[in-house]
């Protein structure tokens, strides 16, 4: 089925009105895209780990082993 919507070239007068993003705006766009990709990747990994039997419990135990020496070293 053919979509009703399609892209048409902008008229020359309309194209003149569109300004490219500034360097700062480009940086913001790239940072936002990278952040969203990171968030999506972390969510996907967390979901996969949560499905593995006992994985979250084992990860918590591993994190606790790593934390324990640091808690007693300072006090």
Protein backbone atom coordinates (compact mmCIF):
# COMPACT_ATOMS: atom_id res chain seq x y z
CA UNK A 1 0.00 0.00 0.00
CA UNK A 2 1.37 3.38 -0.96
CA UNK A 3 1.64 5.97 1.80
CA UNK A 4 -0.25 9.21 1.41
CA UNK A 5 2.74 11.08 2.78
CA UNK A 6 5.94 11.57 0.87
CA UNK A 7 8.78 14.04 0.89
CA UNK A 8 8.82 16.75 -1.70
CA UNK A 9 11.75 19.04 -2.42
CA UNK A 10 11.54 22.39 -0.70
CA UNK A 11 10.96 25.37 -2.86
CA UNK A 12 14.05 27.59 -3.19
CA UNK A 13 12.44 30.36 -1.14
CA UNK A 14 11.56 27.95 1.67
CA UNK A 15 15.03 26.37 1.66
CA UNK A 16 16.57 29.81 2.14
CA UNK A 17 14.60 30.24 5.38
CA UNK A 18 15.96 27.07 6.98
CA UNK A 19 19.23 27.64 8.81
CA UNK A 20 21.59 24.84 9.71
CA UNK A 21 22.09 24.19 13.42
CA UNK A 22 24.89 26.01 15.18
CA UNK A 23 27.88 24.04 16.45
CA UNK A 24 26.46 24.18 19.99
CA UNK A 25 23.08 22.90 18.78
CA UNK A 26 24.84 20.12 16.87
CA UNK A 27 26.74 19.15 20.02
CA UNK A 28 23.50 19.07 21.98
CA UNK A 29 21.84 16.86 19.36
CA UNK A 30 24.78 14.43 19.36
CA UNK A 31 24.98 14.33 23.18
CA UNK A 32 21.25 13.65 23.37
CA UNK A 33 21.47 10.84 20.81
CA UNK A 34 24.40 9.23 22.63
CA UNK A 35 22.62 9.50 25.98
CA UNK A 36 19.47 7.91 24.57
CA UNK A 37 21.50 5.08 23.02
CA UNK A 38 23.28 4.49 26.34
CA UNK A 39 19.99 4.44 28.25
CA UNK A 40 18.48 1.99 25.76
CA UNK A 41 21.53 -0.30 25.91
CA UNK A 42 21.54 -0.34 29.72
CA UNK A 43 17.80 -1.09 29.81
CA UNK A 44 18.23 -3.96 27.33
CA UNK A 45 21.12 -5.48 29.29
CA UNK A 46 19.26 -5.09 32.59
CA UNK A 47 16.19 -6.80 31.12
CA UNK A 48 18.28 -9.70 29.82
CA UNK A 49 20.09 -10.09 33.14
CA UNK A 50 16.82 -10.02 35.06
CA UNK A 51 15.56 -12.95 32.96
CA UNK A 52 18.57 -15.12 33.86
CA UNK A 53 17.81 -17.28 36.88
CA UNK A 54 19.53 -15.97 40.02
CA UNK A 55 21.60 -13.48 38.07
CA UNK A 56 20.56 -10.37 39.96
CA UNK A 57 21.16 -12.13 43.30
CA UNK A 58 24.65 -13.18 42.20
CA UNK A 59 25.45 -9.70 40.87
CA UNK A 60 24.33 -8.15 44.16
CA UNK A 61 26.57 -10.59 46.08
CA UNK A 62 29.51 -9.75 43.81
CA UNK A 63 28.96 -6.02 44.30
CA UNK A 64 28.79 -6.52 48.06
CA UNK A 65 32.13 -8.39 48.04
CA UNK A 66 33.69 -5.49 46.16
CA UNK A 67 32.17 -2.92 48.53
CA UNK A 68 33.03 -4.66 51.81
CA UNK A 69 36.82 -3.99 51.90
CA UNK A 70 36.28 -0.33 51.04
CA UNK A 71 33.77 0.16 53.85
CA UNK A 72 36.16 -1.12 56.52
CA UNK A 73 39.34 0.48 55.15
CA UNK A 74 38.36 4.02 56.15
CA UNK A 75 36.94 3.38 59.57
